[in-house]
N, C-alpha and C. Protein backbone atom coordinates (compact mmCIF):
# COMPACT_ATOMS: atom_id res chain seq x y z
N MET A 1 78.44 52.35 102.93
CA MET A 1 78.65 51.06 103.74
C MET A 1 78.21 51.11 105.31
N GLN A 2 77.71 50.16 106.06
CA GLN A 2 77.37 50.28 107.31
C GLN A 2 78.34 49.74 108.20
N PRO A 3 78.54 50.57 109.39
CA PRO A 3 79.36 50.35 110.47
C PRO A 3 79.51 48.60 110.75
N PRO A 4 80.51 47.65 111.28
CA PRO A 4 80.49 46.70 111.86
C PRO A 4 79.75 46.83 113.06
N GLY A 5 79.18 45.49 113.84
CA GLY A 5 79.23 45.77 114.59
C GLY A 5 77.55 46.10 115.60
N ALA A 6 77.71 46.12 116.77
CA ALA A 6 76.34 47.01 117.31
C ALA A 6 76.80 48.08 117.28
N TYR A 7 75.84 49.42 117.41
CA TYR A 7 75.95 50.60 116.99
C TYR A 7 76.21 50.89 118.60
N GLY A 8 77.35 52.16 118.50
CA GLY A 8 77.77 52.56 119.88
C GLY A 8 78.89 51.87 120.47
N ALA A 9 79.14 50.24 119.96
CA ALA A 9 79.93 49.44 120.66
C ALA A 9 81.16 50.22 120.00
N GLN A 10 82.36 50.21 120.92
CA GLN A 10 83.61 49.87 120.85
C GLN A 10 84.32 48.91 120.34
N PRO A 11 84.94 48.21 118.95
CA PRO A 11 85.35 47.19 118.89
C PRO A 11 86.58 47.13 119.36
N GLN A 12 87.16 45.95 119.74
CA GLN A 12 88.38 45.84 120.08
C GLN A 12 89.18 45.95 118.71
N PHE A 13 90.56 46.36 118.72
CA PHE A 13 91.36 45.99 117.44
C PHE A 13 92.90 45.25 118.00
N SER A 14 93.17 44.76 116.85
CA SER A 14 94.88 43.62 116.99
C SER A 14 95.48 44.88 117.06
N ALA A 15 96.89 44.17 117.92
CA ALA A 15 97.71 44.90 117.80
C ALA A 15 98.38 45.65 116.74
N ASP A 16 98.24 44.97 115.59
CA ASP A 16 98.46 45.78 114.26
C ASP A 16 97.55 46.54 113.59
N GLY A 17 96.31 46.23 114.25
CA GLY A 17 94.96 47.12 113.72
C GLY A 17 94.53 47.15 112.47
N LYS A 18 95.08 45.75 112.00
CA LYS A 18 94.19 45.16 110.74
C LYS A 18 93.03 44.30 110.54
N TRP A 19 92.95 44.33 112.36
CA TRP A 19 91.35 43.01 112.38
C TRP A 19 90.89 44.07 113.65
N PHE A 20 89.39 43.46 114.12
CA PHE A 20 88.67 44.06 115.20
C PHE A 20 87.95 43.17 115.39
N TRP A 21 87.99 42.78 116.36
CA TRP A 21 86.90 41.79 117.30
C TRP A 21 85.10 42.21 117.29
N ASN A 22 84.37 41.65 116.92
CA ASN A 22 82.88 42.39 116.49
C ASN A 22 82.12 41.68 117.64
N GLY A 23 82.82 40.88 118.24
CA GLY A 23 81.77 40.19 119.59
C GLY A 23 81.85 38.62 119.23
N GLN A 24 81.83 38.13 118.25
CA GLN A 24 81.90 37.04 117.53
C GLN A 24 83.33 36.36 116.75
N GLN A 25 83.71 37.49 116.07
CA GLN A 25 84.84 36.90 115.23
C GLN A 25 85.91 38.12 114.95
N TRP A 26 87.20 38.03 114.57
CA TRP A 26 87.93 38.66 114.13
C TRP A 26 87.38 38.98 112.42
N VAL A 27 87.51 40.51 112.52
CA VAL A 27 87.10 40.96 111.38
C VAL A 27 87.93 41.57 110.39
N SER A 28 88.29 42.00 109.43
CA SER A 28 89.39 42.66 108.72
C SER A 28 88.94 44.23 108.51
N SER A 29 89.76 45.09 109.13
CA SER A 29 89.25 46.92 109.92
C SER A 29 89.56 47.42 108.20
N LEU A 30 89.81 46.81 106.88
CA LEU A 30 89.71 47.31 105.87
C LEU A 30 88.69 46.78 104.86
N SER A 31 88.20 47.72 104.19
CA SER A 31 87.01 46.95 103.34
C SER A 31 87.34 46.47 102.20
N PRO A 32 86.26 45.71 101.65
CA PRO A 32 86.63 44.80 100.68
C PRO A 32 87.35 45.33 99.52
N ASP A 33 87.15 46.57 99.08
CA ASP A 33 87.95 47.04 98.13
C ASP A 33 89.04 47.67 98.56
N GLY A 34 89.45 47.82 99.76
CA GLY A 34 90.88 48.00 100.16
C GLY A 34 91.07 49.74 100.52
N ARG A 35 89.91 50.58 99.63
CA ARG A 35 89.94 51.94 100.08
C ARG A 35 89.43 52.61 101.28
N TYR A 36 88.85 51.93 102.23
CA TYR A 36 88.65 52.48 103.50
C TYR A 36 88.90 51.54 104.61
N ARG A 37 89.16 52.32 105.63
CA ARG A 37 89.48 51.60 107.10
C ARG A 37 88.39 51.79 107.99
N TRP A 38 88.08 50.96 108.98
CA TRP A 38 86.85 51.14 110.05
C TRP A 38 87.90 51.45 111.24
N THR A 39 87.58 52.49 111.85
CA THR A 39 88.64 53.16 113.13
C THR A 39 87.56 52.91 114.41
N GLY A 40 86.61 52.40 114.02
CA GLY A 40 85.67 51.81 115.78
C GLY A 40 84.68 52.70 115.87
N SER A 41 84.69 53.78 114.77
CA SER A 41 83.44 54.61 114.65
C SER A 41 83.13 55.15 113.60
N ALA A 42 83.94 55.16 112.46
CA ALA A 42 83.77 55.62 111.18
C ALA A 42 84.66 55.00 110.11
N TRP A 43 84.37 54.79 108.60
CA TRP A 43 85.04 54.64 107.97
C TRP A 43 85.53 55.71 107.51
N VAL A 44 86.79 55.78 107.39
CA VAL A 44 88.42 56.73 106.62
C VAL A 44 88.95 56.14 105.63
N PRO A 45 88.90 56.89 104.59
CA PRO A 45 90.12 56.84 103.37
C PRO A 45 91.39 56.26 103.65
N VAL A 46 91.61 54.82 103.36
CA VAL A 46 93.21 54.55 103.43
C VAL A 46 93.98 55.55 103.25
N ARG A 47 94.81 56.21 103.49
CA ARG A 47 95.79 57.20 103.42
C ARG A 47 97.32 56.53 103.44
N LYS A 48 98.29 56.51 102.05
CA LYS A 48 99.30 55.94 102.02
C LYS A 48 100.38 57.09 102.37
N MET A 49 100.94 56.99 103.37
CA MET A 49 102.31 58.20 103.75
C MET A 49 103.74 57.32 103.91
N PHE A 50 104.35 58.16 103.44
CA PHE A 50 106.01 58.14 103.48
C PHE A 50 106.53 57.31 104.95
N LEU A 51 105.87 57.88 105.74
CA LEU A 51 106.26 56.82 107.04
C LEU A 51 105.18 55.81 107.66
N GLY A 52 104.38 55.34 106.58
CA GLY A 52 103.19 54.53 107.68
C GLY A 52 101.98 55.19 107.62
N ASP A 53 101.98 55.78 109.07
CA ASP A 53 100.55 56.46 109.07
C ASP A 53 100.86 57.44 110.08
N HIS A 54 99.66 58.35 110.16
CA HIS A 54 99.79 59.57 111.01
C HIS A 54 100.50 59.38 112.39
N ALA A 55 100.53 58.33 113.08
CA ALA A 55 101.17 58.51 114.35
C ALA A 55 102.88 58.42 114.19
N ASN A 56 103.01 57.64 113.44
CA ASN A 56 104.67 57.42 112.66
C ASN A 56 104.87 58.76 112.22
N GLN A 57 104.11 59.54 111.24
CA GLN A 57 104.52 60.68 110.91
C GLN A 57 104.87 61.87 112.08
N SER A 58 103.82 61.95 112.92
CA SER A 58 104.20 62.59 114.18
C SER A 58 105.41 62.30 114.84
N ILE A 59 105.83 61.12 115.19
CA ILE A 59 107.12 61.17 115.90
C ILE A 59 108.34 61.28 114.89
N ALA A 60 108.19 61.22 113.67
CA ALA A 60 109.03 61.18 112.94
C ALA A 60 109.51 63.12 112.84
N CYS A 61 108.43 63.57 112.74
CA CYS A 61 108.44 65.13 112.69
C CYS A 61 108.86 65.47 113.89
N ALA A 62 108.83 65.15 115.04
CA ALA A 62 109.30 65.70 116.00
C ALA A 62 110.96 65.32 115.87
N VAL A 63 111.55 64.57 115.52
CA VAL A 63 113.18 64.22 114.84
C VAL A 63 113.69 64.98 114.34
N VAL A 64 112.71 65.16 112.93
CA VAL A 64 113.20 66.18 112.05
C VAL A 64 112.91 67.44 112.31
N GLY A 65 112.32 67.60 113.16
CA GLY A 65 111.79 69.12 113.85
C GLY A 65 113.34 69.64 114.61
N LEU A 66 113.83 69.03 115.15
CA LEU A 66 115.55 69.20 115.72
C LEU A 66 116.22 70.02 114.75
N ALA A 67 116.27 69.43 113.63
CA ALA A 67 116.89 70.39 112.54
C ALA A 67 116.05 71.91 111.54
N CYS A 68 114.80 71.24 111.61
CA CYS A 68 113.86 72.42 110.99
C CYS A 68 112.46 72.47 111.91
N ALA A 69 112.59 73.28 112.68
CA ALA A 69 111.41 73.51 113.47
C ALA A 69 110.15 73.91 113.17
N PRO A 70 110.04 74.18 111.97
CA PRO A 70 108.57 74.23 111.17
C PRO A 70 107.78 72.67 111.20
N PHE A 71 108.73 71.56 111.26
CA PHE A 71 108.29 70.22 111.28
C PHE A 71 107.15 70.09 112.25
N PHE A 72 107.35 70.84 113.62
CA PHE A 72 107.05 70.86 114.86
C PHE A 72 105.40 70.66 114.65
N PRO A 73 104.98 72.33 114.50
CA PRO A 73 103.24 71.99 114.15
C PRO A 73 102.81 71.15 113.61
N PHE A 74 103.44 70.47 112.56
CA PHE A 74 102.59 69.85 111.27
C PHE A 74 102.62 68.24 112.27
N GLY A 75 103.70 68.08 113.25
CA GLY A 75 103.87 66.74 113.99
C GLY A 75 102.77 66.95 115.01
N LEU A 76 102.65 68.00 115.23
CA LEU A 76 101.27 68.15 116.75
C LEU A 76 99.85 67.76 115.57
N TRP A 77 99.94 68.49 114.62
CA TRP A 77 98.58 67.90 114.03
C TRP A 77 98.41 66.93 113.49
N VAL A 78 99.06 66.13 112.94
CA VAL A 78 99.25 64.73 112.73
C VAL A 78 99.46 63.84 114.01
N GLY A 79 99.88 64.05 114.90
CA GLY A 79 99.52 63.44 116.41
C GLY A 79 98.17 63.48 116.49
N TRP A 80 97.32 64.69 116.36
CA TRP A 80 96.20 64.80 116.74
C TRP A 80 94.93 63.65 115.80
N LYS A 81 95.40 64.13 114.17
CA LYS A 81 94.96 63.27 113.63
C LYS A 81 95.18 61.91 113.79
N ALA A 82 96.31 61.27 114.38
CA ALA A 82 96.28 59.91 114.54
C ALA A 82 95.63 59.62 115.62
N TYR A 83 95.61 60.35 116.88
CA TYR A 83 94.93 60.13 118.01
C TYR A 83 93.33 60.09 117.73
N ARG A 84 92.94 60.67 117.12
CA ARG A 84 91.19 60.71 116.65
C ARG A 84 91.02 59.36 115.71
N GLU A 85 92.18 58.94 114.87
CA GLU A 85 91.50 58.26 113.81
C GLU A 85 92.05 56.81 113.75
N LEU A 86 93.28 56.58 114.70
CA LEU A 86 93.75 55.43 114.87
C LEU A 86 93.90 55.38 116.29
N PRO A 87 92.63 54.40 116.96
CA PRO A 87 92.55 53.88 118.09
C PRO A 87 93.55 53.06 118.58
N TRP A 88 94.23 52.01 118.05
CA TRP A 88 95.03 51.37 118.64
C TRP A 88 96.33 51.93 118.56
N LYS A 89 96.57 52.89 118.18
CA LYS A 89 97.80 53.78 118.33
C LYS A 89 97.87 55.07 119.07
N ARG A 90 97.00 54.98 119.91
CA ARG A 90 96.82 56.17 120.39
C ARG A 90 98.09 56.81 121.46
N THR A 91 98.60 55.93 122.05
CA THR A 91 99.82 55.82 122.72
C THR A 91 100.69 56.51 122.03
N GLN A 92 101.13 56.00 120.93
CA GLN A 92 102.18 56.48 119.95
C GLN A 92 101.80 57.67 119.69
N ALA A 93 100.39 58.09 119.19
CA ALA A 93 99.88 59.49 118.68
C ALA A 93 100.16 60.46 119.62
N ALA A 94 99.92 59.93 121.22
CA ALA A 94 100.37 61.08 122.28
C ALA A 94 101.65 61.37 122.57
N VAL A 95 102.67 60.50 122.55
CA VAL A 95 103.85 60.50 122.56
C VAL A 95 104.75 61.24 121.16
N GLY A 96 103.88 61.45 120.06
CA GLY A 96 103.96 62.23 119.04
C GLY A 96 103.65 63.66 119.30
N MET A 97 102.51 63.91 120.02
CA MET A 97 102.10 65.38 120.12
C MET A 97 102.77 65.78 121.34
N ILE A 98 103.25 65.04 122.28
CA ILE A 98 104.03 65.47 123.62
C ILE A 98 105.38 66.04 123.19
N LEU A 99 106.16 65.36 122.19
CA LEU A 99 107.53 65.37 121.60
C LEU A 99 106.97 66.70 120.56
N ASN A 100 106.13 67.06 119.92
CA ASN A 100 106.30 68.26 118.84
C ASN A 100 105.82 69.25 119.72
N THR A 101 104.85 69.19 120.96
CA THR A 101 104.64 70.27 121.70
C THR A 101 105.67 70.94 122.49
N ALA A 102 106.52 70.03 123.01
CA ALA A 102 107.80 70.65 123.51
C ALA A 102 108.77 70.94 122.52
N GLY A 103 108.95 70.67 121.23
CA GLY A 103 109.60 71.25 120.31
C GLY A 103 108.83 72.65 120.19
N CYS A 104 107.61 72.79 119.47
CA CYS A 104 106.93 74.23 119.63
C CYS A 104 107.55 74.95 120.57
N GLY A 105 107.32 74.49 121.91
CA GLY A 105 107.78 75.26 123.25
C GLY A 105 109.25 75.82 123.31
N LEU A 106 110.23 74.87 122.43
CA LEU A 106 111.28 75.03 122.95
C LEU A 106 111.90 75.87 121.60
N TRP A 107 111.25 75.97 120.32
CA TRP A 107 111.30 76.78 118.98
C TRP A 107 110.77 78.07 119.60
N VAL A 108 109.91 78.30 120.38
CA VAL A 108 109.33 79.42 120.75
C VAL A 108 110.22 80.30 121.94
N VAL A 109 110.78 79.53 122.67
CA VAL A 109 111.78 79.86 123.69
C VAL A 109 112.93 80.56 122.89
N THR A 110 113.74 79.73 122.00
CA THR A 110 114.69 80.25 121.16
C THR A 110 114.56 81.40 120.50
N ILE A 111 113.50 81.61 119.67
CA ILE A 111 113.02 82.92 119.40
C ILE A 111 113.01 83.76 119.93
N VAL A 112 112.23 83.78 121.16
CA VAL A 112 112.51 84.84 122.30
C VAL A 112 113.75 85.22 122.89
N TYR A 113 114.54 84.51 122.91
CA TYR A 113 115.82 84.62 123.58
C TYR A 113 116.82 85.28 122.59
N ARG A 114 116.59 84.97 121.41
CA ARG A 114 117.44 85.74 120.08
C ARG A 114 117.06 87.18 119.92
N ILE A 115 115.81 87.32 120.05
CA ILE A 115 115.33 88.84 120.19
C ILE A 115 115.90 89.32 121.51
N ALA A 116 115.63 88.61 122.45
CA ALA A 116 116.12 89.57 123.83
C ALA A 116 117.87 89.70 123.81
N VAL A 117 118.88 88.67 123.22
CA VAL A 117 119.92 88.95 122.94
C VAL A 117 120.31 90.28 122.13
N ALA A 118 119.25 90.07 120.91
CA ALA A 118 119.53 90.93 119.62
C ALA A 118 119.13 92.88 120.72
N MET A 119 118.06 92.39 121.33
CA MET A 119 117.90 94.06 121.88
C MET A 119 119.03 94.46 122.77
N SER A 120 119.43 93.44 123.40
CA SER A 120 120.50 93.94 124.75
C SER A 120 121.63 94.44 124.14
N ALA A 121 122.02 93.94 122.57
CA ALA A 121 123.25 94.48 122.20
C ALA A 121 123.44 95.70 121.22
N ARG A 122 122.14 96.14 121.65
CA ARG A 122 122.03 97.79 120.71
C ARG A 122 122.85 98.90 122.07
């Protein structure tokens, strides 16, 4: 598949990310067969996720991570993927990465605190 529009030009996406402006008209960001999505620089496979896309998944991991801390690193990773692959959701991806980074930090501080308390109890 050839990228739409001029080489090197970043298309402007609609608010929902389903359309982009190629300089003359709004064009669907999905391939005709619906299996690939144009990100502004490459065609990537469309992934069906439980909570929508990587940006939504990142923020959900920050919330779930409060009960189960290993979700924080996963949320950080999917936030980074969303930042790279979904240019129209970069703000949401950045929020997810910030929340998950704070969660990872909180997790580490909690572990260090528990170790310090256990060591001082001896």
